[in-house]
Amino acid sequence: MEVSKKGVGIFDAQYRALTIGIILAVTTVAFEGLAITTIAPSVVQQLHSLHLYGWIFSAFLLAQIIGTMIIGQRINKNGVFASFVVSILFFVIGIVIAATSVNMVMLIAGRVFQGFGAGAIITCVYYSITLGYPDELRTKILATFSSAYVLPALVGPYIAGFLAEFLSWRIVFWLVLPLIGLAVMLTLPAFRNLSLRERSTQKIGHKEGYAILLAIGTGVLLVGLGLITDLKGIALSALGVIIMIQPLRKLLPEGTFTARKGLPATIVSRGLFVACYFATESYVVLALTEVKKLPADLAGLIVAAGALSWSSAAWLQAKLDEKHCRMRMPVKKGRYPQVSSLPTHSVQA
């Protein structure tokens, strides 16, 4: 693990390429996430599938779990470069499927590919931070990571809303492709250098299967909740919970279900926070456009406000962290933690 010299920053020569690459990768995913949140009501209206509105987000997030876990388990073996290329391919395939969708089922399929790719991309970013920066610079790069949402938050929702309102929501998906191309062009060289470093020889675990099972169980639960007034819905909900129990026991630290003090309680708190955040973010535009009858571009500005305050809080946290000098964990030279043990970062969690 590198040890930084006093006064060295994340934009100094030895870190500049990697820092720019991380910013571009996160900016692309952030723009896509914020834009889709804004245009979702227009999409379901034109595809006549308001009853499937929630699946635009659920399909993405469930696939993100799988992408995060699979790439997180395999990146130590395959390296950042190869993993990032695969992640981008999944993301691009999802964009193309969604942009050409003729019905809601096709769109949801595209969102599955996008979610897998987005989760994998962010996992690659976290891994590159672990490999590429000493501990004392990580809060700074994570704050920069968060600030990569500022530009997409300022322009993404409004532009997406404007295009959906006056042209077509499909253009928003196509608009992401040139951004991906630019990010790949400037990011891959930095990730290729990281892939040349020592790789972990740890064996790949079996957590991928549990992640897939967890996603399936959650999906079954969501379908059941949608039919909860029917006996079939109750049965599906119960089946979903049963399927989820074992994967959750295997993937979460012991004591999570009882919110044991320390990491388990932290994970429970973070899970509740993320659930509240996405529940609000997913439906606020629909409420504004359907109930308050606001145009999509104006509703997008409200989405931007939430994204900006989130980025500001992340920046403040980094400053407080630096000021109070948190206790740092020693890392032995040549030993890197598996990405699956790092905090995952969904589109804005």
Protein backbone atom coordinates (compact mmCIF):
# COMPACT_ATOMS: atom_id res chain seq x y z
CA MET A 1 0.00 0.00 0.00
CA GLU A 2 1.27 3.39 -0.92
CA VAL A 3 2.19 5.87 1.76
CA SER A 4 1.60 9.45 0.75
CA LYS A 5 4.02 12.22 1.47
CA LYS A 6 2.90 15.15 3.54
CA GLY A 7 1.02 17.67 1.43
CA VAL A 8 0.39 15.29 -1.47
CA GLY A 9 -3.13 15.59 -2.88
CA ILE A 10 -5.38 13.48 -5.06
CA PHE A 11 -4.71 15.69 -8.09
CA ASP A 12 -0.93 15.52 -7.83
CA ALA A 13 0.89 13.80 -10.70
CA GLN A 14 0.96 10.30 -9.21
CA TYR A 15 -2.80 10.24 -8.56
CA ARG A 16 -4.16 12.63 -11.21
CA ALA A 17 -5.06 10.09 -13.93
CA LEU A 18 -6.81 7.76 -11.50
CA THR A 19 -8.70 10.64 -9.85
CA ILE A 20 -9.96 11.96 -13.18
CA GLY A 21 -10.95 8.44 -14.22
CA ILE A 22 -12.95 7.92 -11.03
CA ILE A 23 -14.72 11.27 -11.42
CA LEU A 24 -15.71 10.48 -15.02
CA ALA A 25 -16.98 6.99 -14.19
CA VAL A 26 -19.08 8.24 -11.27
CA THR A 27 -20.37 11.26 -13.21
CA THR A 28 -21.68 9.01 -15.98
CA VAL A 29 -23.53 6.70 -13.58
CA ALA A 30 -24.83 9.69 -11.62
CA PHE A 31 -26.17 11.44 -14.73
CA GLU A 32 -27.97 8.28 -15.82
CA GLY A 33 -29.49 7.71 -12.37
CA LEU A 34 -30.73 11.26 -11.87
CA ALA A 35 -32.00 11.54 -15.44
CA ILE A 36 -34.00 8.30 -15.29
CA THR A 37 -35.55 9.34 -11.99
CA THR A 38 -36.83 12.48 -13.72
CA ILE A 39 -38.21 10.87 -16.88
CA ALA A 40 -39.75 7.77 -15.26
CA PRO A 41 -43.30 9.24 -15.13
CA SER A 42 -43.13 10.11 -18.85
CA VAL A 43 -41.91 6.60 -19.64
CA VAL A 44 -44.76 4.79 -17.89
CA GLN A 45 -47.34 7.15 -19.38
CA GLN A 46 -46.17 6.54 -22.95
CA LEU A 47 -45.80 2.79 -22.41
CA HIS A 48 -49.17 2.67 -20.60
CA SER A 49 -47.77 0.81 -17.60
CA LEU A 50 -48.26 2.96 -14.54
CA HIS A 51 -48.82 -0.18 -12.44
CA LEU A 52 -45.21 -1.21 -13.17
CA TYR A 53 -43.71 2.17 -12.28
CA GLY A 54 -41.85 0.90 -9.21
CA TRP A 55 -40.09 -1.79 -11.24
CA ILE A 56 -38.12 0.85 -13.14
CA PHE A 57 -36.20 1.33 -9.90
CA SER A 58 -36.58 -2.08 -8.27
CA ALA A 59 -35.18 -3.94 -11.30
CA PHE A 60 -32.18 -1.61 -11.33
CA LEU A 61 -31.45 -1.93 -7.61
CA LEU A 62 -31.90 -5.71 -7.46
CA ALA A 63 -29.54 -6.17 -10.40
CA GLN A 64 -27.14 -3.75 -8.74
CA ILE A 65 -26.89 -6.10 -5.76
CA ILE A 66 -25.89 -8.94 -8.08
CA GLY A 67 -23.43 -6.81 -10.06
CA THR A 68 -21.78 -5.48 -6.92
CA MET A 69 -21.37 -8.92 -5.39
CA ILE A 70 -20.23 -10.80 -8.50
CA ILE A 71 -17.65 -8.21 -9.57
CA GLY A 72 -16.65 -7.67 -5.94
CA GLN A 73 -15.83 -11.35 -5.59
CA ARG A 74 -14.04 -11.69 -8.94
CA ILE A 75 -12.18 -8.41 -9.27
CA ASN A 76 -9.33 -9.64 -7.06
CA LYS A 77 -8.72 -12.43 -9.57
CA ASN A 78 -9.45 -10.66 -12.86
CA GLY A 79 -8.10 -7.20 -12.06
CA VAL A 80 -9.71 -3.76 -12.36
CA PHE A 81 -9.24 -3.36 -16.12
CA ALA A 82 -11.06 -6.52 -17.24
CA SER A 83 -13.78 -6.07 -14.62
CA PHE A 84 -14.38 -2.46 -15.66
CA VAL A 85 -14.68 -3.41 -19.35
CA VAL A 86 -17.30 -6.05 -18.52
CA SER A 87 -19.16 -3.56 -16.32
CA ILE A 88 -19.28 -0.96 -19.09
CA LEU A 89 -20.54 -3.52 -21.62
CA PHE A 90 -23.45 -4.48 -19.37
CA PHE A 91 -24.26 -0.83 -18.75
CA VAL A 92 -24.24 0.03 -22.48
CA ILE A 93 -26.37 -2.99 -23.41
CA GLY A 94 -28.92 -1.87 -20.83
CA ILE A 95 -28.98 1.68 -22.20
CA VAL A 96 -29.60 0.45 -25.76
CA ILE A 97 -32.37 -1.96 -24.70
CA ALA A 98 -34.10 0.76 -22.65
CA ALA A 99 -33.81 3.37 -25.43
CA THR A 100 -35.43 1.04 -27.97
CA SER A 101 -38.11 -0.39 -25.66
CA VAL A 102 -41.52 -0.98 -27.20
CA ASN A 103 -43.13 -2.10 -23.95
CA MET A 104 -42.53 -2.00 -20.22
CA VAL A 105 -41.17 -5.55 -20.00
CA MET A 106 -38.39 -4.65 -22.45
CA LEU A 107 -37.63 -1.47 -20.52
CA ILE A 108 -37.39 -3.37 -17.23
CA ALA A 109 -35.01 -5.85 -18.90
CA GLY A 110 -32.84 -2.92 -19.94
CA ARG A 111 -32.89 -1.60 -16.38
CA VAL A 112 -31.65 -4.99 -15.16
CA PHE A 113 -28.59 -4.72 -17.40
CA GLN A 114 -28.06 -1.09 -16.36
CA GLY A 115 -28.28 -1.97 -12.67
CA PHE A 116 -25.78 -4.82 -13.00
CA GLY A 117 -23.39 -2.56 -14.89
CA ALA A 118 -23.78 0.39 -12.51
CA GLY A 119 -23.17 -1.76 -9.43
CA ALA A 120 -20.12 -3.32 -11.08
CA ILE A 121 -18.74 0.06 -12.18
CA ILE A 122 -18.97 1.53 -8.70
CA THR A 123 -17.37 -1.61 -7.26
CA CYS A 124 -14.44 -1.12 -9.65
CA VAL A 125 -14.19 2.47 -8.47
CA TYR A 126 -14.07 1.43 -4.80
CA TYR A 127 -11.45 -1.18 -5.57
CA SER A 128 -9.31 1.36 -7.41
CA ILE A 129 -9.53 3.64 -4.38
CA THR A 130 -8.35 0.80 -2.14
CA LEU A 131 -5.40 0.04 -4.43
CA GLY A 132 -4.49 3.49 -5.62
CA TYR A 133 -4.61 5.79 -2.57
CA PRO A 134 -3.09 5.70 0.92
CA ASP A 135 -5.52 5.79 3.81
CA GLU A 136 -5.04 9.49 4.55
CA LEU A 137 -6.20 10.44 1.04
CA ARG A 138 -9.24 8.19 0.88
CA THR A 139 -11.68 10.55 2.56
CA LYS A 140 -10.61 13.22 0.06
CA ILE A 141 -11.17 10.99 -2.97
CA LEU A 142 -14.49 9.81 -1.52
CA ALA A 143 -15.55 13.44 -1.08
CA THR A 144 -14.50 14.07 -4.69
CA PHE A 145 -16.41 10.91 -5.58
CA SER A 146 -19.47 12.57 -4.04
CA SER A 147 -18.77 15.91 -5.70
CA ALA A 148 -18.88 14.11 -9.06
CA TYR A 149 -22.66 14.26 -8.55
CA VAL A 150 -22.69 18.06 -8.52
CA LEU A 151 -22.61 18.67 -12.28
CA PRO A 152 -25.08 15.85 -13.08
CA ALA A 153 -27.30 17.12 -10.25
CA LEU A 154 -27.23 20.66 -11.63
CA VAL A 155 -27.97 19.86 -15.26
CA GLY A 156 -29.03 16.21 -15.47
CA PRO A 157 -32.58 16.30 -14.04
CA TYR A 158 -33.50 19.54 -15.79
CA ILE A 159 -32.14 18.47 -19.19
CA ALA A 160 -33.79 15.06 -18.86
CA GLY A 161 -37.10 16.67 -17.88
CA PHE A 162 -36.88 19.16 -20.74
CA LEU A 163 -36.19 16.43 -23.32
CA ALA A 164 -39.00 14.23 -21.98
CA GLU A 165 -41.42 17.16 -21.92
CA PHE A 166 -40.75 18.57 -25.39
CA LEU A 167 -39.03 15.80 -27.41
CA SER A 168 -38.78 12.16 -26.26
CA TRP A 169 -37.68 10.31 -23.17
CA ARG A 170 -35.69 7.95 -25.42
CA ILE A 171 -33.21 10.72 -26.20
CA VAL A 172 -32.21 10.78 -22.53
CA PHE A 173 -30.98 7.18 -22.77
CA TRP A 174 -29.12 7.82 -26.03
CA LEU A 175 -27.52 10.91 -24.49
CA VAL A 176 -25.75 8.71 -21.94
CA LEU A 177 -23.78 6.80 -24.61
CA PRO A 178 -21.34 9.60 -25.60
CA LEU A 179 -20.73 10.27 -21.91
CA ILE A 180 -19.86 6.60 -21.45
CA GLY A 181 -17.51 6.74 -24.45
CA LEU A 182 -15.66 9.73 -23.01
CA ALA A 183 -15.43 8.14 -19.57
CA VAL A 184 -14.06 4.88 -21.00
CA MET A 185 -11.47 6.69 -23.14
CA LEU A 186 -10.05 8.59 -20.16
CA THR A 187 -10.59 5.95 -17.46
CA LEU A 188 -9.23 2.70 -18.91
CA PRO A 189 -5.56 3.77 -18.99
CA ALA A 190 -5.66 4.52 -15.25
CA PHE A 191 -7.38 1.22 -14.48
CA ARG A 192 -4.99 -0.68 -16.75
CA ASN A 193 -2.08 0.53 -14.61
CA LEU A 194 -3.82 -0.68 -11.46
CA SER A 195 -4.36 -4.11 -12.98
CA LEU A 196 -0.60 -4.52 -13.26
CA ARG A 197 -0.16 -4.43 -9.51
CA GLU A 198 -0.21 -7.40 -7.19
CA ARG A 199 -3.50 -9.24 -7.27
CA SER A 200 -5.07 -11.15 -4.44
CA THR A 201 -4.60 -14.93 -4.46
CA GLN A 202 -7.63 -15.44 -2.22
CA LYS A 203 -10.14 -17.96 -3.54
CA ILE A 204 -13.43 -16.70 -4.86
CA GLY A 205 -16.24 -17.40 -2.43
CA HIS A 206 -19.81 -18.50 -3.02
CA LYS A 207 -21.42 -15.17 -2.19
CA GLU A 208 -22.48 -14.60 -5.80
CA GLY A 209 -25.11 -17.32 -5.45
CA TYR A 210 -26.44 -15.80 -2.25
CA ALA A 211 -26.64 -12.36 -3.92
CA ILE A 212 -28.65 -13.79 -6.81
CA LEU A 213 -30.92 -15.66 -4.38
CA LEU A 214 -31.40 -12.48 -2.35
CA ALA A 215 -32.39 -10.56 -5.49
CA ILE A 216 -34.84 -13.30 -6.50
CA GLY A 217 -36.38 -13.40 -3.03
CA THR A 218 -36.74 -9.63 -2.94
CA GLY A 219 -38.34 -9.65 -6.38
CA VAL A 220 -40.85 -12.30 -5.31
CA LEU A 221 -41.63 -10.27 -2.18
CA LEU A 222 -42.23 -7.12 -4.24
CA VAL A 223 -44.55 -8.96 -6.63
CA GLY A 224 -46.42 -10.35 -3.64
CA LEU A 225 -46.77 -6.92 -2.05
CA GLY A 226 -48.24 -5.65 -5.30
CA LEU A 227 -50.95 -8.31 -5.00
CA ILE A 228 -51.24 -8.21 -1.21
CA THR A 229 -55.05 -7.89 -1.24
CA ASP A 230 -55.22 -11.32 -2.87
CA LEU A 231 -54.37 -14.66 -1.25
CA LYS A 232 -51.80 -15.19 -4.01
CA GLY A 233 -50.08 -11.97 -2.99
CA ILE A 234 -49.85 -13.05 0.65
CA ALA A 235 -48.38 -16.41 -0.40
CA LEU A 236 -45.81 -14.77 -2.71
CA SER A 237 -44.81 -12.28 0.00
CA ALA A 238 -44.24 -15.07 2.48
CA LEU A 239 -42.27 -17.08 -0.09
CA GLY A 240 -40.09 -14.06 -0.84
CA VAL A 241 -39.26 -13.56 2.83
CA ILE A 242 -38.38 -17.26 3.22
CA ILE A 243 -36.06 -17.13 0.19
CA MET A 244 -34.33 -14.01 1.56
CA ILE A 245 -33.58 -15.30 5.06
CA GLN A 246 -30.61 -17.57 4.26
CA PRO A 247 -28.84 -15.14 1.87
CA LEU A 248 -29.20 -12.33 4.41
CA ARG A 249 -27.73 -14.53 7.15
CA LYS A 250 -24.76 -15.39 4.94
CA LEU A 251 -24.11 -11.92 3.49
CA LEU A 252 -24.60 -9.77 6.58
CA PRO A 253 -22.38 -9.74 9.70
CA GLU A 254 -23.57 -11.76 12.65
CA GLY A 255 -25.86 -9.70 14.86
CA THR A 256 -27.32 -7.57 12.06
CA PHE A 257 -30.89 -8.78 12.65
CA THR A 258 -30.66 -7.73 16.30
CA ALA A 259 -28.78 -4.49 15.48
CA ARG A 260 -25.81 -5.47 17.62
CA LYS A 261 -23.57 -2.56 18.58
CA GLY A 262 -20.82 -1.77 16.07
CA LEU A 263 -20.81 -2.80 12.41
CA PRO A 264 -24.16 -4.68 12.51
CA ALA A 265 -26.01 -1.65 13.90
CA THR A 266 -24.25 0.58 11.38
CA ILE A 267 -25.40 -1.63 8.50
CA VAL A 268 -28.99 -1.65 9.78
CA SER A 269 -28.96 2.15 10.09
CA ARG A 270 -27.48 2.58 6.63
CA GLY A 271 -30.04 0.16 5.16
CA LEU A 272 -32.95 2.09 6.68
CA PHE A 273 -31.50 5.39 5.47
CA VAL A 274 -31.01 4.10 1.92
CA ALA A 275 -34.52 2.61 1.88
CA CYS A 276 -36.03 5.96 2.89
CA TYR A 277 -33.88 7.85 0.39
CA PHE A 278 -34.77 5.70 -2.61
CA ALA A 279 -38.43 5.41 -1.68
CA THR A 280 -38.65 9.20 -1.61
CA GLU A 281 -36.50 9.82 -4.68
CA SER A 282 -38.30 7.24 -6.80
CA TYR A 283 -41.79 8.65 -6.28
CA VAL A 284 -41.25 12.37 -5.74
CA VAL A 285 -41.20 13.17 -9.48
CA LEU A 286 -44.31 11.05 -10.09
CA ALA A 287 -46.10 12.88 -7.28
CA LEU A 288 -45.04 16.28 -8.58
CA THR A 289 -46.08 15.59 -12.16
CA GLU A 290 -49.26 13.60 -11.49
CA VAL A 291 -50.60 15.25 -8.32
CA LYS A 292 -49.19 18.77 -8.52
CA LYS A 293 -49.21 18.80 -12.35
CA LEU A 294 -45.73 20.29 -12.56
CA PRO A 295 -43.80 19.92 -15.85
CA ALA A 296 -41.04 17.31 -15.86
CA ASP A 297 -38.24 19.86 -16.22
CA LEU A 298 -39.34 21.76 -13.09
CA ALA A 299 -39.74 18.50 -11.15
CA GLY A 300 -36.18 17.67 -12.20
CA LEU A 301 -34.90 20.78 -10.42
CA ILE A 302 -36.33 19.44 -7.15
CA VAL A 303 -34.44 16.17 -7.69
CA ALA A 304 -31.29 18.25 -8.27
CA ALA A 305 -31.72 19.98 -4.91
CA GLY A 306 -31.60 16.66 -3.04
CA ALA A 307 -28.53 15.52 -4.95
CA LEU A 308 -26.67 18.76 -4.22
CA SER A 309 -27.39 18.62 -0.48
CA TRP A 310 -26.17 15.00 -0.43
CA SER A 311 -22.89 15.99 -2.10
CA SER A 312 -22.46 18.90 0.30
CA ALA A 313 -22.89 16.61 3.31
CA ALA A 314 -20.26 14.21 1.93
CA TRP A 315 -17.81 17.10 1.48
CA LEU A 316 -18.49 18.29 5.06
CA GLN A 317 -17.91 14.78 6.40
CA ALA A 318 -14.51 14.62 4.68
CA LYS A 319 -13.52 17.97 6.20
CA LEU A 320 -14.57 16.89 9.69
CA ASP A 321 -12.76 13.58 9.24
CA GLU A 322 -9.56 15.40 8.31
CA LYS A 323 -9.92 17.89 11.17
CA HIS A 324 -10.52 15.32 13.92
CA CYS A 325 -8.01 12.75 12.59
CA ARG A 326 -10.00 9.53 12.78
CA MET A 327 -8.20 6.37 13.89
CA ARG A 328 -6.73 4.63 10.84
CA MET A 329 -6.48 0.89 10.40
CA PRO A 330 -2.97 -0.35 9.55
CA VAL A 331 -2.75 -2.27 6.27
CA LYS A 332 0.12 -4.64 5.58
CA LYS A 333 2.10 -4.05 2.45
CA GLY A 334 0.74 -5.96 -0.53
CA ARG A 335 -2.50 -6.91 1.20
CA TYR A 336 -5.74 -5.43 -0.01
CA PRO A 337 -9.19 -6.07 1.40
CA GLN A 338 -11.71 -7.74 -0.88
CA VAL A 339 -14.11 -5.34 -2.49
CA SER A 340 -17.04 -7.32 -1.17
CA SER A 341 -16.11 -6.11 2.30
CA LEU A 342 -16.12 -2.47 1.25
CA PRO A 343 -19.22 -0.32 1.51
CA THR A 344 -21.31 -0.51 -1.64
CA HIS A 345 -22.38 2.62 -3.36
CA SER A 346 -25.56 2.58 -5.29
CA VAL A 347 -26.41 5.45 -7.55
CA GLN A 348 -26.59 7.87 -4.70
CA ALA A 349 -26.56 5.91 -1.49
